[in-house]
C-alpha cells in the first residue's frame, strides 16, 4: 500500500510536469534524497522555474536550508518531503545536519531559461 506522503509526492511531481516557465518551456522537478549523512545527488542541475523535492529517506527528522538563511524547511519527518521552487535569487548551496551531527551540503547549478 502506498503511503500518504508518497501519494503527495507523486501528485506534486505530476502537477509540476504541467507547469510552464515564462518561456513556455516545461518546468522540471528534481528529487534530492536526504540520506543518513549525505544528500543524493549532491549537485542539482536546474533552470529557474524548476523545483527540487527533498525527500527524507533517513532515520530521523531533517531540516534543509540555505547557508545564508534565505530559505529553510521545517522539520521534514522520515518519509516526508519539502519542495523548493527555484528562481534567480535561489542560493547555490543547501545544507543540513544528520542525526549524528554530521554536516551535509549540496549544490544547485542554476541556469536561466532562455527565451
Foldseek 3Di string as FASTA:
>chain_A
DDDPQVVVVVVVQVVQQPDADPVRDRAHEAEWEDEQQEIVPQEAEGEQQHKYKYFYQYDAWKKKDDPVPPDIDDTAGHRHIDMDHGHPPHDQKMWIAGPVRRTYMGGYNYDYDDD
